[in-house]
Amino acid sequence: MRLAPAQLAEAVQKIHQRLGDVPVWLFGSRVDDAAKGGDIDLYVELPQPVSPLSIARTRGDLADALGQSVDLVVNDGRYERPIYAIARETGVRLA
């Protein structure tokens, strides 16, 4: 992974502070040690829908804490999108 353990812990902490004790995966280019650049792709599964404002605030917290662009993919159970399966299958579960 191309993130320090402290960065990963900080990301999980920020997500849990805003969205509760939910599962979190890192996926995308940051799990590939040979890749360069790229934003930080995080996937979370929520037990119920939350407000778009909560998600936006979580993204902002993550970007501020990590100092990089963060793509937060949120599965709240209302839809099944291909990106959810990709994140679970190719990602690394952090929490």
PDB file of N, CA and C in Angstrom:
ATOM      1  N   MET A   1       0.835  -1.183   0.000  1.00  0.00           N
ATOM      2  CA  MET A   1       0.000   0.000   0.000  1.00  0.00           C
ATOM      3  C   MET A   1       0.877   1.243   0.000  1.00  0.00           C
ATOM      4  N   ARG A   2       0.382   2.246  -0.652  1.00  0.00           N
ATOM      5  CA  ARG A   2       1.165   3.473  -0.738  1.00  0.00           C
ATOM      6  C   ARG A   2       0.627   4.552   0.194  1.00  0.00           C
ATOM      7  N   LEU A   3       0.313   4.143   1.395  1.00  0.00           N
ATOM      8  CA  LEU A   3      -0.040   5.070   2.468  1.00  0.00           C
ATOM      9  C   LEU A   3       0.603   4.553   3.741  1.00  0.00           C
ATOM     10  N   ALA A   4       1.060   5.471   4.555  1.00  0.00           N
ATOM     11  CA  ALA A   4       1.680   5.086   5.824  1.00  0.00           C
ATOM     12  C   ALA A   4       0.622   4.547   6.779  1.00  0.00           C
ATOM     13  N   PRO A   5       1.004   3.656   7.674  1.00  0.00           N
ATOM     14  CA  PRO A   5       0.055   3.140   8.662  1.00  0.00           C
ATOM     15  C   PRO A   5      -0.655   4.248   9.449  1.00  0.00           C
ATOM     16  N   ALA A   6       0.064   5.315   9.764  1.00  0.00           N
ATOM     17  CA  ALA A   6      -0.558   6.426  10.494  1.00  0.00           C
ATOM     18  C   ALA A   6      -1.646   7.095   9.660  1.00  0.00           C
ATOM     19  N   GLN A   7      -1.428   7.208   8.349  1.00  0.00           N
ATOM     20  CA  GLN A   7      -2.437   7.798   7.468  1.00  0.00           C
ATOM     21  C   GLN A   7      -3.672   6.905   7.398  1.00  0.00           C
ATOM     22  N   LEU A   8      -3.456   5.608   7.311  1.00  0.00           N
ATOM     23  CA  LEU A   8      -4.582   4.672   7.258  1.00  0.00           C
ATOM     24  C   LEU A   8      -5.390   4.739   8.551  1.00  0.00           C
ATOM     25  N   ALA A   9      -4.707   4.774   9.673  1.00  0.00           N
ATOM     26  CA  ALA A   9      -5.390   4.868  10.967  1.00  0.00           C
ATOM     27  C   ALA A   9      -6.171   6.169  11.080  1.00  0.00           C
ATOM     28  N   GLU A  10      -5.588   7.253  10.591  1.00  0.00           N
ATOM     29  CA  GLU A  10      -6.267   8.551  10.627  1.00  0.00           C
ATOM     30  C   GLU A  10      -7.530   8.524   9.760  1.00  0.00           C
ATOM     31  N   ALA A  11      -7.444   7.911   8.601  1.00  0.00           N
ATOM     32  CA  ALA A  11      -8.605   7.825   7.715  1.00  0.00           C
ATOM     33  C   ALA A  11      -9.731   7.050   8.382  1.00  0.00           C
ATOM     34  N   VAL A  12      -9.412   5.914   8.966  1.00  0.00           N
ATOM     35  CA  VAL A  12     -10.424   5.102   9.642  1.00  0.00           C
ATOM     36  C   VAL A  12     -11.024   5.887  10.815  1.00  0.00           C
ATOM     37  N   GLN A  13     -10.187   6.569  11.565  1.00  0.00           N
ATOM     38  CA  GLN A  13     -10.677   7.353  12.701  1.00  0.00           C
ATOM     39  C   GLN A  13     -11.666   8.428  12.248  1.00  0.00           C
ATOM     40  N   LYS A  14     -11.327   9.153  11.200  1.00  0.00           N
ATOM     41  CA  LYS A  14     -12.211  10.214  10.704  1.00  0.00           C
ATOM     42  C   LYS A  14     -13.541   9.649  10.233  1.00  0.00           C
ATOM     43  N   ILE A  15     -13.490   8.513   9.543  1.00  0.00           N
ATOM     44  CA  ILE A  15     -14.725   7.884   9.064  1.00  0.00           C
ATOM     45  C   ILE A  15     -15.568   7.424  10.248  1.00  0.00           C
ATOM     46  N   HIS A  16     -14.961   6.786  11.211  1.00  0.00           N
ATOM     47  CA  HIS A  16     -15.712   6.299  12.368  1.00  0.00           C
ATOM     48  C   HIS A  16     -16.285   7.443  13.201  1.00  0.00           C
ATOM     49  N   GLN A  17     -15.573   8.559  13.286  1.00  0.00           N
ATOM     50  CA  GLN A  17     -16.089   9.715  14.026  1.00  0.00           C
ATOM     51  C   GLN A  17     -17.375  10.241  13.406  1.00  0.00           C
ATOM     52  N   ARG A  18     -17.421  10.286  12.092  1.00  0.00           N
ATOM     53  CA  ARG A  18     -18.586  10.858  11.409  1.00  0.00           C
ATOM     54  C   ARG A  18     -19.691   9.848  11.126  1.00  0.00           C
ATOM     55  N   LEU A  19     -19.292   8.614  10.751  1.00  0.00           N
ATOM     56  CA  LEU A  19     -20.281   7.666  10.236  1.00  0.00           C
ATOM     57  C   LEU A  19     -20.519   6.460  11.132  1.00  0.00           C
ATOM     58  N   GLY A  20     -19.775   6.360  12.229  1.00  0.00           N
ATOM     59  CA  GLY A  20     -19.930   5.224  13.136  1.00  0.00           C
ATOM     60  C   GLY A  20     -18.919   4.129  12.842  1.00  0.00           C
ATOM     61  N   ASP A  21     -19.039   3.047  13.578  1.00  0.00           N
ATOM     62  CA  ASP A  21     -18.100   1.927  13.471  1.00  0.00           C
ATOM     63  C   ASP A  21     -18.481   1.072  12.268  1.00  0.00           C
ATOM     64  N   VAL A  22     -18.091   1.525  11.087  1.00  0.00           N
ATOM     65  CA  VAL A  22     -18.462   0.870   9.829  1.00  0.00           C
ATOM     66  C   VAL A  22     -17.235   0.255   9.165  1.00  0.00           C
ATOM     67  N   PRO A  23     -17.435  -0.761   8.306  1.00  0.00           N
ATOM     68  CA  PRO A  23     -16.311  -1.336   7.580  1.00  0.00           C
ATOM     69  C   PRO A  23     -15.730  -0.337   6.573  1.00  0.00           C
ATOM     70  N   VAL A  24     -14.403  -0.348   6.442  1.00  0.00           N
ATOM     71  CA  VAL A  24     -13.699   0.587   5.556  1.00  0.00           C
ATOM     72  C   VAL A  24     -12.685  -0.198   4.732  1.00  0.00           C
ATOM     73  N   TRP A  25     -12.658   0.059   3.427  1.00  0.00           N
ATOM     74  CA  TRP A  25     -11.672  -0.525   2.529  1.00  0.00           C
ATOM     75  C   TRP A  25     -10.894   0.574   1.819  1.00  0.00           C
ATOM     76  N   LEU A  26      -9.623   0.335   1.588  1.00  0.00           N
ATOM     77  CA  LEU A  26      -8.805   1.140   0.687  1.00  0.00           C
ATOM     78  C   LEU A  26      -8.752   0.377  -0.621  1.00  0.00           C
ATOM     79  N   PHE A  27      -9.002   1.053  -1.734  1.00  0.00           N
ATOM     80  CA  PHE A  27      -8.955   0.386  -3.029  1.00  0.00           C
ATOM     81  C   PHE A  27      -8.374   1.334  -4.062  1.00  0.00           C
ATOM     82  N   GLY A  28      -8.257   0.870  -5.285  1.00  0.00           N
ATOM     83  CA  GLY A  28      -7.730   1.704  -6.354  1.00  0.00           C
ATOM     84  C   GLY A  28      -6.220   1.685  -6.393  1.00  0.00           C
ATOM     85  N   SER A  29      -5.659   2.745  -6.966  1.00  0.00           N
ATOM     86  CA  SER A  29      -4.218   2.787  -7.221  1.00  0.00           C
ATOM     87  C   SER A  29      -3.382   2.759  -5.950  1.00  0.00           C
ATOM     88  N   ARG A  30      -3.931   3.179  -4.830  1.00  0.00           N
ATOM     89  CA  ARG A  30      -3.140   3.230  -3.593  1.00  0.00           C
ATOM     90  C   ARG A  30      -2.813   1.850  -3.014  1.00  0.00           C
ATOM     91  N   VAL A  31      -3.498   0.805  -3.460  1.00  0.00           N
ATOM     92  CA  VAL A  31      -3.149  -0.540  -2.996  1.00  0.00           C
ATOM     93  C   VAL A  31      -2.083  -1.180  -3.877  1.00  0.00           C
ATOM     94  N   ASP A  32      -1.744  -0.512  -4.980  1.00  0.00           N
ATOM     95  CA  ASP A  32      -0.734  -1.022  -5.917  1.00  0.00           C
ATOM     96  C   ASP A  32       0.590  -0.312  -5.671  1.00  0.00           C
ATOM     97  N   ASP A  33       1.562  -1.038  -5.127  1.00  0.00           N
ATOM     98  CA  ASP A  33       2.865  -0.445  -4.807  1.00  0.00           C
ATOM     99  C   ASP A  33       3.612   0.034  -6.043  1.00  0.00           C
ATOM    100  N   ALA A  34       3.281  -0.489  -7.216  1.00  0.00           N
ATOM    101  CA  ALA A  34       3.972  -0.098  -8.444  1.00  0.00           C
ATOM    102  C   ALA A  34       3.364   1.146  -9.086  1.00  0.00           C
ATOM    103  N   ALA A  35       2.177   1.519  -8.678  1.00  0.00           N
ATOM    104  CA  ALA A  35       1.507   2.681  -9.259  1.00  0.00           C
ATOM    105  C   ALA A  35       2.093   3.968  -8.688  1.00  0.00           C
ATOM    106  N   LYS A  36       1.795   5.067  -9.372  1.00  0.00           N
ATOM    107  CA  LYS A  36       2.243   6.382  -8.905  1.00  0.00           C
ATOM    108  C   LYS A  36       1.057   7.328  -8.894  1.00  0.00           C
ATOM    109  N   GLY A  37       1.118   8.287  -7.967  1.00  0.00           N
ATOM    110  CA  GLY A  37       0.095   9.330  -7.922  1.00  0.00           C
ATOM    111  C   GLY A  37      -1.275   8.779  -7.565  1.00  0.00           C
ATOM    112  N   GLY A  38      -2.266   9.538  -7.910  1.00  0.00           N
ATOM    113  CA  GLY A  38      -3.642   9.127  -7.688  1.00  0.00           C
ATOM    114  C   GLY A  38      -4.208   9.614  -6.375  1.00  0.00           C
ATOM    115  N   ASP A  39      -5.520   9.719  -6.358  1.00  0.00           N
ATOM    116  CA  ASP A  39      -6.192  10.113  -5.125  1.00  0.00           C
ATOM    117  C   ASP A  39      -6.304   8.904  -4.206  1.00  0.00           C
ATOM    118  N   ILE A  40      -6.896   9.104  -3.067  1.00  0.00           N
ATOM    119  CA  ILE A  40      -7.091   8.027  -2.107  1.00  0.00           C
ATOM    120  C   ILE A  40      -8.542   7.573  -2.234  1.00  0.00           C
ATOM    121  N   ASP A  41      -8.731   6.309  -2.601  1.00  0.00           N
ATOM    122  CA  ASP A  41     -10.063   5.743  -2.788  1.00  0.00           C
ATOM    123  C   ASP A  41     -10.432   4.919  -1.564  1.00  0.00           C
ATOM    124  N   LEU A  42     -11.506   5.319  -0.898  1.00  0.00           N
ATOM    125  CA  LEU A  42     -11.992   4.611   0.277  1.00  0.00           C
ATOM    126  C   LEU A  42     -13.441   4.206   0.051  1.00  0.00           C
ATOM    127  N   TYR A  43     -13.773   3.019   0.509  1.00  0.00           N
ATOM    128  CA  TYR A  43     -15.125   2.474   0.370  1.00  0.00           C
ATOM    129  C   TYR A  43     -15.646   2.135   1.759  1.00  0.00           C
ATOM    130  N   VAL A  44     -16.878   2.533   2.054  1.00  0.00           N
ATOM    131  CA  VAL A  44     -17.498   2.219   3.336  1.00  0.00           C
ATOM    132  C   VAL A  44     -18.885   1.621   3.105  1.00  0.00           C
ATOM    133  N   GLU A  45     -19.278   0.747   4.027  1.00  0.00           N
ATOM    134  CA  GLU A  45     -20.620   0.174   4.002  1.00  0.00           C
ATOM    135  C   GLU A  45     -21.361   0.639   5.249  1.00  0.00           C
ATOM    136  N   LEU A  46     -22.493   1.283   5.027  1.00  0.00           N
ATOM    137  CA  LEU A  46     -23.288   1.823   6.121  1.00  0.00           C
ATOM    138  C   LEU A  46     -24.523   0.961   6.351  1.00  0.00           C
ATOM    139  N   PRO A  47     -24.964   0.809   7.594  1.00  0.00           N
ATOM    140  CA  PRO A  47     -26.147   0.000   7.877  1.00  0.00           C
ATOM    141  C   PRO A  47     -27.447   0.687   7.454  1.00  0.00           C
ATOM    142  N   GLN A  48     -27.382   2.003   7.258  1.00  0.00           N
ATOM    143  CA  GLN A  48     -28.568   2.766   6.862  1.00  0.00           C
ATOM    144  C   GLN A  48     -28.109   4.046   6.175  1.00  0.00           C
ATOM    145  N   PRO A  49     -28.985   4.654   5.403  1.00  0.00           N
ATOM    146  CA  PRO A  49     -28.608   5.899   4.727  1.00  0.00           C
ATOM    147  C   PRO A  49     -28.259   7.010   5.721  1.00  0.00           C
ATOM    148  N   VAL A  50     -27.328   7.869   5.315  1.00  0.00           N
ATOM    149  CA  VAL A  50     -26.998   9.078   6.067  1.00  0.00           C
ATOM    150  C   VAL A  50     -27.147  10.254   5.125  1.00  0.00           C
ATOM    151  N   SER A  51     -27.163  11.424   5.683  1.00  0.00           N
ATOM    152  CA  SER A  51     -27.382  12.609   4.864  1.00  0.00           C
ATOM    153  C   SER A  51     -26.195  12.878   3.950  1.00  0.00           C
ATOM    154  N   PRO A  52     -26.456  13.442   2.791  1.00  0.00           N
ATOM    155  CA  PRO A  52     -25.362  13.844   1.908  1.00  0.00           C
ATOM    156  C   PRO A  52     -24.396  14.811   2.595  1.00  0.00           C
ATOM    157  N   LEU A  53     -24.913  15.632   3.512  1.00  0.00           N
ATOM    158  CA  LEU A  53     -24.058  16.567   4.244  1.00  0.00           C
ATOM    159  C   LEU A  53     -23.048  15.809   5.121  1.00  0.00           C
ATOM    160  N   SER A  54     -23.472  14.729   5.758  1.00  0.00           N
ATOM    161  CA  SER A  54     -22.557  13.920   6.578  1.00  0.00           C
ATOM    162  C   SER A  54     -21.450  13.315   5.718  1.00  0.00           C
ATOM    163  N   ILE A  55     -21.816  12.854   4.537  1.00  0.00           N
ATOM    164  CA  ILE A  55     -20.822  12.276   3.632  1.00  0.00           C
ATOM    165  C   ILE A  55     -19.859  13.359   3.159  1.00  0.00           C
ATOM    166  N   ALA A  56     -20.377  14.513   2.800  1.00  0.00           N
ATOM    167  CA  ALA A  56     -19.523  15.615   2.346  1.00  0.00           C
ATOM    168  C   ALA A  56     -18.571  16.063   3.453  1.00  0.00           C
ATOM    169  N   ARG A  57     -19.071  16.138   4.666  1.00  0.00           N
ATOM    170  CA  ARG A  57     -18.210  16.527   5.791  1.00  0.00           C
ATOM    171  C   ARG A  57     -17.126  15.480   6.052  1.00  0.00           C
ATOM    172  N   THR A  58     -17.484  14.220   5.902  1.00  0.00           N
ATOM    173  CA  THR A  58     -16.500  13.149   6.077  1.00  0.00           C
ATOM    174  C   THR A  58     -15.407  13.260   5.023  1.00  0.00           C
ATOM    175  N   ARG A  59     -15.797  13.493   3.770  1.00  0.00           N
ATOM    176  CA  ARG A  59     -14.807  13.687   2.699  1.00  0.00           C
ATOM    177  C   ARG A  59     -13.887  14.864   3.017  1.00  0.00           C
ATOM    178  N   GLY A  60     -14.458  15.945   3.491  1.00  0.00           N
ATOM    179  CA  GLY A  60     -13.660  17.120   3.845  1.00  0.00           C
ATOM    180  C   GLY A  60     -12.700  16.830   4.978  1.00  0.00           C
ATOM    181  N   ASP A  61     -13.177  16.126   6.005  1.00  0.00           N
ATOM    182  CA  ASP A  61     -12.309  15.741   7.126  1.00  0.00           C
ATOM    183  C   ASP A  61     -11.138  14.898   6.637  1.00  0.00           C
ATOM    184  N   LEU A  62     -11.436  13.954   5.745  1.00  0.00           N
ATOM    185  CA  LEU A  62     -10.400  13.069   5.223  1.00  0.00           C
ATOM    186  C   LEU A  62      -9.371  13.844   4.403  1.00  0.00           C
ATOM    187  N   ALA A  63      -9.840  14.693   3.524  1.00  0.00           N
ATOM    188  CA  ALA A  63      -8.928  15.476   2.686  1.00  0.00           C
ATOM    189  C   ALA A  63      -8.049  16.386   3.542  1.00  0.00           C
ATOM    190  N   ASP A  64      -8.637  17.015   4.551  1.00  0.00           N
ATOM    191  CA  ASP A  64      -7.862  17.876   5.445  1.00  0.00           C
ATOM    192  C   ASP A  64      -6.819  17.080   6.222  1.00  0.00           C
ATOM    193  N   ALA A  65      -7.226  15.943   6.763  1.00  0.00           N
ATOM    194  CA  ALA A  65      -6.324  15.145   7.595  1.00  0.00           C
ATOM    195  C   ALA A  65      -5.196  14.511   6.785  1.00  0.00           C
ATOM    196  N   LEU A  66      -5.511  14.079   5.557  1.00  0.00           N
ATOM    197  CA  LEU A  66      -4.528  13.372   4.747  1.00  0.00           C
ATOM    198  C   LEU A  66      -3.775  14.294   3.792  1.00  0.00           C
ATOM    199  N   GLY A  67      -4.280  15.509   3.598  1.00  0.00           N
ATOM    200  CA  GLY A  67      -3.615  16.461   2.716  1.00  0.00           C
ATOM    201  C   GLY A  67      -3.631  16.058   1.257  1.00  0.00           C
ATOM    202  N   GLN A  68      -4.622  15.240   0.878  1.00  0.00           N
ATOM    203  CA  GLN A  68      -4.728  14.754  -0.492  1.00  0.00           C
ATOM    204  C   GLN A  68      -6.190  14.623  -0.876  1.00  0.00           C
ATOM    205  N   SER A  69      -6.422  14.499  -2.164  1.00  0.00           N
ATOM    206  CA  SER A  69      -7.767  14.280  -2.662  1.00  0.00           C
ATOM    207  C   SER A  69      -8.256  12.893  -2.248  1.00  0.00           C
ATOM    208  N   VAL A  70      -9.502  12.811  -1.769  1.00  0.00           N
ATOM    209  CA  VAL A  70     -10.073  11.554  -1.309  1.00  0.00           C
ATOM    210  C   VAL A  70     -11.381  11.300  -2.040  1.00  0.00           C
ATOM    211  N   ASP A  71     -11.518  10.091  -2.579  1.00  0.00           N
ATOM    212  CA  ASP A  71     -12.762   9.646  -3.180  1.00  0.00           C
ATOM    213  C   ASP A  71     -13.401   8.676  -2.201  1.00  0.00           C
ATOM    214  N   LEU A  72     -14.516   9.061  -1.609  1.00  0.00           N
ATOM    215  CA  LEU A  72     -15.211   8.237  -0.630  1.00  0.00           C
ATOM    216  C   LEU A  72     -16.446   7.631  -1.283  1.00  0.00           C
ATOM    217  N   VAL A  73     -16.429   6.323  -1.472  1.00  0.00           N
ATOM    218  CA  VAL A  73     -17.552   5.601  -2.060  1.00  0.00           C
ATOM    219  C   VAL A  73     -18.372   5.026  -0.914  1.00  0.00           C
ATOM    220  N   VAL A  74     -19.642   5.374  -0.866  1.00  0.00           N
ATOM    221  CA  VAL A  74     -20.503   4.997   0.253  1.00  0.00           C
ATOM    222  C   VAL A  74     -21.621   4.078  -0.225  1.00  0.00           C
ATOM    223  N   ASN A  75     -21.675   2.899   0.359  1.00  0.00           N
ATOM    224  CA  ASN A  75     -22.752   1.944   0.093  1.00  0.00           C
ATOM    225  C   ASN A  75     -23.656   1.932   1.318  1.00  0.00           C
ATOM    226  N   ASP A  76     -24.850   2.487   1.161  1.00  0.00           N
ATOM    227  CA  ASP A  76     -25.787   2.534   2.288  1.00  0.00           C
ATOM    228  C   ASP A  76     -26.907   1.505   2.140  1.00  0.00           C
ATOM    229  N   GLY A  77     -26.718   0.568   1.225  1.00  0.00           N
ATOM    230  CA  GLY A  77     -27.678  -0.512   1.063  1.00  0.00           C
ATOM    231  C   GLY A  77     -28.855  -0.220   0.163  1.00  0.00           C
ATOM    232  N   ARG A  78     -28.977   1.008  -0.321  1.00  0.00           N
ATOM    233  CA  ARG A  78     -30.118   1.333  -1.168  1.00  0.00           C
ATOM    234  C   ARG A  78     -29.928   0.875  -2.604  1.00  0.00           C
ATOM    235  N   TYR A  79     -28.704   0.798  -3.063  1.00  0.00           N
ATOM    236  CA  TYR A  79     -28.410   0.430  -4.446  1.00  0.00           C
ATOM    237  C   TYR A  79     -27.270  -0.584  -4.455  1.00  0.00           C
ATOM    238  N   GLU A  80     -27.160  -1.315  -5.535  1.00  0.00           N
ATOM    239  CA  GLU A  80     -25.996  -2.181  -5.723  1.00  0.00           C
ATOM    240  C   GLU A  80     -25.316  -1.698  -7.000  1.00  0.00           C
ATOM    241  N   ARG A  81     -24.139  -1.128  -6.832  1.00  0.00           N
ATOM    242  CA  ARG A  81     -23.385  -0.587  -7.954  1.00  0.00           C
ATOM    243  C   ARG A  81     -22.133  -1.423  -8.169  1.00  0.00           C
ATOM    244  N   PRO A  82     -21.679  -1.556  -9.419  1.00  0.00           N
ATOM    245  CA  PRO A  82     -20.480  -2.356  -9.703  1.00  0.00           C
ATOM    246  C   PRO A  82     -19.255  -1.927  -8.898  1.00  0.00           C
ATOM    247  N   ILE A  83     -19.112  -0.645  -8.613  1.00  0.00           N
ATOM    248  CA  ILE A  83     -17.942  -0.164  -7.886  1.00  0.00           C
ATOM    249  C   ILE A  83     -17.871  -0.769  -6.485  1.00  0.00           C
ATOM    250  N   TYR A  84     -19.007  -1.107  -5.902  1.00  0.00           N
ATOM    251  CA  TYR A  84     -19.011  -1.700  -4.567  1.00  0.00           C
ATOM    252  C   TYR A  84     -18.300  -3.055  -4.578  1.00  0.00           C
ATOM    253  N   ALA A  85     -18.646  -3.893  -5.550  1.00  0.00           N
ATOM    254  CA  ALA A  85     -18.013  -5.211  -5.656  1.00  0.00           C
ATOM    255  C   ALA A  85     -16.527  -5.077  -5.984  1.00  0.00           C
ATOM    256  N   ILE A  86     -16.196  -4.139  -6.852  1.00  0.00           N
ATOM    257  CA  ILE A  86     -14.785  -3.918  -7.210  1.00  0.00           C
ATOM    258  C   ILE A  86     -13.986  -3.517  -5.973  1.00  0.00           C
ATOM    259  N   ALA A  87     -14.518  -2.600  -5.186  1.00  0.00           N
ATOM    260  CA  ALA A  87     -13.815  -2.130  -3.983  1.00  0.00           C
ATOM    261  C   ALA A  87     -13.621  -3.264  -2.980  1.00  0.00           C
ATOM    262  N   ARG A  88     -14.655  -4.085  -2.773  1.00  0.00           N
ATOM    263  CA  ARG A  88     -14.551  -5.196  -1.825  1.00  0.00           C
ATOM    264  C   ARG A  88     -13.573  -6.269  -2.317  1.00  0.00           C
ATOM    265  N   GLU A  89     -13.608  -6.557  -3.603  1.00  0.00           N
ATOM    266  CA  GLU A  89     -12.791  -7.648  -4.163  1.00  0.00           C
ATOM    267  C   GLU A  89     -11.329  -7.258  -4.360  1.00  0.00           C
ATOM    268  N   THR A  90     -11.067  -6.020  -4.717  1.00  0.00           N
ATOM    269  CA  THR A  90      -9.704  -5.612  -5.035  1.00  0.00           C
ATOM    270  C   THR A  90      -9.059  -4.784  -3.933  1.00  0.00           C
ATOM    271  N   GLY A  91      -9.878  -4.346  -2.991  1.00  0.00           N
ATOM    272  CA  GLY A  91      -9.369  -3.471  -1.934  1.00  0.00           C
ATOM    273  C   GLY A  91      -8.814  -4.231  -0.750  1.00  0.00           C
ATOM    274  N   VAL A  92      -8.284  -3.451   0.177  1.00  0.00           N
ATOM    275  CA  VAL A  92      -7.751  -3.963   1.429  1.00  0.00           C
ATOM    276  C   VAL A  92      -8.635  -3.430   2.548  1.00  0.00           C
ATOM    277  N   ARG A  93      -9.197  -4.348   3.311  1.00  0.00           N
ATOM    278  CA  ARG A  93     -10.073  -3.912   4.409  1.00  0.00           C
ATOM    279  C   ARG A  93      -9.223  -3.337   5.539  1.00  0.00           C
ATOM    280  N   LEU A  94      -9.572  -2.126   5.951  1.00  0.00           N
ATOM    281  CA  LEU A  94      -8.867  -1.417   7.004  1.00  0.00           C
ATOM    282  C   LEU A  94      -9.553  -1.541   8.349  1.00  0.00           C
ATOM    283  N   ALA A  95     -10.863  -1.661   8.327  1.00  0.00           N
ATOM    284  CA  ALA A  95     -11.641  -1.750   9.574  1.00  0.00           C
ATOM    285  C   ALA A  95     -12.947  -2.472   9.316  1.00  0.00           C
TER     286      ALA A  95
END
